[in-house]
Structure formats: structure tokens, C-alpha cells
Amino acid sequence: MLSDVKNQRNAARFKTRQTTTCRDQTNRLIGRVMNLSESGFMLMSNKPAQVNDSWLLKLDLPLTPSHQISISGEIIWCQQSSFSDEYGIGIQITKIDDLAKTVLCRYLKEITNATAA
């Protein structure tokens, strides 16, 4: 199942080097972002998610200064982790405003530059 999703990705994903958290619209912590791209991300969460559900989310990006961006996302897959009690959740970004996309791209550029160094 995951290999099919991976082949459908529109953008390369990058492993986050610092803690990047994901929150719901009430600011409740949902989980940690493990990898991220312009079009989606993988989240580790204590609770499972229902495939095809749409979520309104906030990503806490560890930039200087720190930024929290709001997005809408669709759950593409969810499965129990093989190494913890958590669940891996694949989320496709379905809506992001221009400013949030600019901030996300800045963060991805920082990740890419840090990896290349």
C-alpha cells in the first residue's frame, strides 16, 4: 500500500531535522511530522486516522522566528507503526494559502541546505 502512495507523490519529501509538530484547529497536539514536502507529509500520532478524512491542521515550523502555518489535508493512508505504539499517517495537502506556501518552501529549502552541508 505504501509503495503505491510513494509512486503517486508530486514532490520529493525531506526528513525533518528538528521537531516539527502538527496541531488541530483548536491547537491540540496531534503528532510529529517525520517527513515533509510541498504536497504532503508523514505524521506519527498516538491515535489512528480514517483514510479519506479531511483535516484542518496547523504545522509548527522550526524557523527563526518560528512560524505556524494552516493547511487543509486529506488522509491518504494510516497504519500502526512497527517500532512503537503510534500510527503513521500519510497526509496530502489539499489547501494552502500563498503566504503559508512561501513559509513552507523556505523551511524545505533550509532542510535541503542543511542536508547538503
C-alpha atoms as a PDB file:
ATOM      1  CA  MET A   1       0.000   0.000   0.000  1.00  0.00           C
ATOM      2  CA  LEU A   2       2.730   2.490   0.893  1.00  0.00           C
ATOM      3  CA  SER A   3       4.703   1.832  -2.281  1.00  0.00           C
ATOM      4  CA  ASP A   4       1.655   2.784  -4.359  1.00  0.00           C
ATOM      5  CA  VAL A   5       1.298   6.053  -2.440  1.00  0.00           C
ATOM      6  CA  LYS A   6       5.005   6.808  -2.741  1.00  0.00           C
ATOM      7  CA  ASN A   7       4.825   6.454  -6.510  1.00  0.00           C
ATOM      8  CA  GLN A   8       1.991   8.994  -6.617  1.00  0.00           C
ATOM      9  CA  ARG A   9       3.918  11.766  -4.829  1.00  0.00           C
ATOM     10  CA  ASN A  10       4.192  15.059  -6.683  1.00  0.00           C
ATOM     11  CA  ALA A  11       7.218  16.344  -4.763  1.00  0.00           C
ATOM     12  CA  ALA A  12      10.256  14.891  -3.006  1.00  0.00           C
ATOM     13  CA  ARG A  13       9.883  14.506   0.743  1.00  0.00           C
ATOM     14  CA  PHE A  14      12.561  15.598   3.185  1.00  0.00           C
ATOM     15  CA  LYS A  15      13.148  14.242   6.670  1.00  0.00           C
ATOM     16  CA  THR A  16      12.651  16.949   9.265  1.00  0.00           C
ATOM     17  CA  ARG A  17      15.831  17.641  11.241  1.00  0.00           C
ATOM     18  CA  GLN A  18      14.138  19.423  14.149  1.00  0.00           C
ATOM     19  CA  THR A  19      10.862  18.688  15.870  1.00  0.00           C
ATOM     20  CA  THR A  20       8.022  19.798  13.631  1.00  0.00           C
ATOM     21  CA  THR A  21       4.650  19.368  15.279  1.00  0.00           C
ATOM     22  CA  CYS A  22       1.148  19.170  13.872  1.00  0.00           C
ATOM     23  CA  ARG A  23      -1.906  20.548  15.677  1.00  0.00           C
ATOM     24  CA  ASP A  24      -5.640  20.614  15.032  1.00  0.00           C
ATOM     25  CA  GLN A  25      -7.562  23.876  14.681  1.00  0.00           C
ATOM     26  CA  THR A  26      -8.076  24.072  18.468  1.00  0.00           C
ATOM     27  CA  ASN A  27      -4.257  23.941  18.818  1.00  0.00           C
ATOM     28  CA  ARG A  28      -4.331  20.419  20.327  1.00  0.00           C
ATOM     29  CA  LEU A  29      -1.174  18.461  19.508  1.00  0.00           C
ATOM     30  CA  ILE A  30      -1.854  15.651  17.032  1.00  0.00           C
ATOM     31  CA  GLY A  31       1.670  14.386  16.395  1.00  0.00           C
ATOM     32  CA  ARG A  32       5.156  14.852  14.954  1.00  0.00           C
ATOM     33  CA  VAL A  33       5.944  15.407  11.287  1.00  0.00           C
ATOM     34  CA  MET A  34       8.533  12.851  10.146  1.00  0.00           C
ATOM     35  CA  ASN A  35       8.976  13.946   6.540  1.00  0.00           C
ATOM     36  CA  LEU A  36       7.579  16.812   4.547  1.00  0.00           C
ATOM     37  CA  SER A  37       7.162  18.161   1.025  1.00  0.00           C
ATOM     38  CA  GLU A  38       5.225  20.922  -0.710  1.00  0.00           C
ATOM     39  CA  SER A  39       2.401  18.461  -1.325  1.00  0.00           C
ATOM     40  CA  GLY A  40       2.229  16.316   1.813  1.00  0.00           C
ATOM     41  CA  PHE A  41       3.834  14.784   4.858  1.00  0.00           C
ATOM     42  CA  MET A  42       4.028  11.763   7.150  1.00  0.00           C
ATOM     43  CA  LEU A  43       2.819  12.217  10.691  1.00  0.00           C
ATOM     44  CA  MET A  44       3.393   9.996  13.738  1.00  0.00           C
ATOM     45  CA  SER A  45       0.399  10.148  16.086  1.00  0.00           C
ATOM     46  CA  ASN A  46      -0.918   8.356  19.174  1.00  0.00           C
ATOM     47  CA  LYS A  47      -4.320   7.940  17.510  1.00  0.00           C
ATOM     48  CA  PRO A  48      -5.235   6.384  14.168  1.00  0.00           C
ATOM     49  CA  ALA A  49      -6.864   8.353  11.370  1.00  0.00           C
ATOM     50  CA  GLN A  50      -9.586   7.421   8.904  1.00  0.00           C
ATOM     51  CA  VAL A  51      -8.439   7.274   5.263  1.00  0.00           C
ATOM     52  CA  ASN A  52     -10.152   9.910   3.065  1.00  0.00           C
ATOM     53  CA  ASP A  53     -10.966  12.163   6.064  1.00  0.00           C
ATOM     54  CA  SER A  54     -10.171  15.845   5.612  1.00  0.00           C
ATOM     55  CA  TRP A  55      -8.429  17.676   8.428  1.00  0.00           C
ATOM     56  CA  LEU A  56      -7.756  21.358   9.124  1.00  0.00           C
ATOM     57  CA  LEU A  57      -4.237  21.473  10.531  1.00  0.00           C
ATOM     58  CA  LYS A  58      -1.504  23.747  11.815  1.00  0.00           C
ATOM     59  CA  LEU A  59       2.164  22.929  11.309  1.00  0.00           C
ATOM     60  CA  ASP A  60       4.671  24.417  13.755  1.00  0.00           C
ATOM     61  CA  LEU A  61       7.733  25.015  11.591  1.00  0.00           C
ATOM     62  CA  PRO A  62      11.016  25.487  13.489  1.00  0.00           C
ATOM     63  CA  LEU A  63      12.182  28.574  11.634  1.00  0.00           C
ATOM     64  CA  THR A  64      13.735  31.703  13.085  1.00  0.00           C
ATOM     65  CA  PRO A  65      11.399  33.246  14.004  1.00  0.00           C
ATOM     66  CA  SER A  66       9.145  30.209  14.365  1.00  0.00           C
ATOM     67  CA  HIS A  67       6.067  30.012  12.171  1.00  0.00           C
ATOM     68  CA  GLN A  68       2.778  28.198  12.411  1.00  0.00           C
ATOM     69  CA  ILE A  69       1.036  27.650   9.087  1.00  0.00           C
ATOM     70  CA  SER A  70      -2.528  26.499   8.497  1.00  0.00           C
ATOM     71  CA  ILE A  71      -3.366  23.914   5.856  1.00  0.00           C
ATOM     72  CA  SER A  72      -6.106  21.509   4.855  1.00  0.00           C
ATOM     73  CA  GLY A  73      -5.129  17.907   4.269  1.00  0.00           C
ATOM     74  CA  GLU A  74      -6.604  14.573   3.261  1.00  0.00           C
ATOM     75  CA  ILE A  75      -5.636  11.331   4.978  1.00  0.00           C
ATOM     76  CA  ILE A  76      -4.143   9.086   2.287  1.00  0.00           C
ATOM     77  CA  TRP A  77      -3.056   6.181   4.482  1.00  0.00           C
ATOM     78  CA  CYS A  78      -2.761   5.161   8.128  1.00  0.00           C
ATOM     79  CA  GLN A  79      -1.032   2.154   9.666  1.00  0.00           C
ATOM     80  CA  GLN A  80       0.257   1.011  13.039  1.00  0.00           C
ATOM     81  CA  SER A  81       3.967   1.625  13.458  1.00  0.00           C
ATOM     82  CA  SER A  82       6.192  -1.430  13.549  1.00  0.00           C
ATOM     83  CA  PHE A  83       8.537   0.203  16.088  1.00  0.00           C
ATOM     84  CA  SER A  84       6.193   1.991  18.532  1.00  0.00           C
ATOM     85  CA  ASP A  85       2.587   2.199  19.745  1.00  0.00           C
ATOM     86  CA  GLU A  86       1.996   5.132  17.399  1.00  0.00           C
ATOM     87  CA  TYR A  87       0.397   5.306  13.968  1.00  0.00           C
ATOM     88  CA  GLY A  88       1.990   6.532  10.768  1.00  0.00           C
ATOM     89  CA  ILE A  89      -0.376   8.790   8.838  1.00  0.00           C
ATOM     90  CA  GLY A  90       0.153   9.996   5.277  1.00  0.00           C
ATOM     91  CA  ILE A  91      -1.423  13.394   4.621  1.00  0.00           C
ATOM     92  CA  GLN A  92      -1.792  15.093   1.249  1.00  0.00           C
ATOM     93  CA  ILE A  93      -2.027  18.875   1.430  1.00  0.00           C
ATOM     94  CA  THR A  94      -5.238  19.906  -0.312  1.00  0.00           C
ATOM     95  CA  LYS A  95      -5.325  23.621   0.526  1.00  0.00           C
ATOM     96  CA  ILE A  96      -2.614  26.079   1.500  1.00  0.00           C
ATOM     97  CA  ASP A  97      -2.630  29.859   1.065  1.00  0.00           C
ATOM     98  CA  ASP A  98       0.189  31.691  -0.725  1.00  0.00           C
ATOM     99  CA  LEU A  99       1.874  33.024   2.422  1.00  0.00           C
ATOM    100  CA  ALA A 100       1.833  29.601   4.124  1.00  0.00           C
ATOM    101  CA  LYS A 101       3.259  28.008   0.958  1.00  0.00           C
ATOM    102  CA  THR A 102       6.069  30.574   0.895  1.00  0.00           C
ATOM    103  CA  VAL A 103       6.924  29.792   4.532  1.00  0.00           C
ATOM    104  CA  LEU A 104       6.759  26.027   3.868  1.00  0.00           C
ATOM    105  CA  CYS A 105       9.074  26.365   0.851  1.00  0.00           C
ATOM    106  CA  ARG A 106      11.519  28.416   2.972  1.00  0.00           C
ATOM    107  CA  TYR A 107      11.557  25.644   5.580  1.00  0.00           C
ATOM    108  CA  LEU A 108      12.070  22.942   2.944  1.00  0.00           C
ATOM    109  CA  LYS A 109      14.954  24.965   1.485  1.00  0.00           C
ATOM    110  CA  GLU A 110      16.566  25.143   4.948  1.00  0.00           C
ATOM    111  CA  ILE A 111      16.189  21.353   5.335  1.00  0.00           C
ATOM    112  CA  THR A 112      17.708  20.792   1.892  1.00  0.00           C
ATOM    113  CA  ASN A 113      20.632  23.143   2.583  1.00  0.00           C
ATOM    114  CA  ALA A 114      21.333  21.537   5.976  1.00  0.00           C
ATOM    115  CA  THR A 115      21.321  18.071   4.378  1.00  0.00           C
ATOM    116  CA  ALA A 116      23.713  19.167   1.632  1.00  0.00           C
ATOM    117  CA  ALA A 117      26.165  20.779   4.093  1.00  0.00           C
END
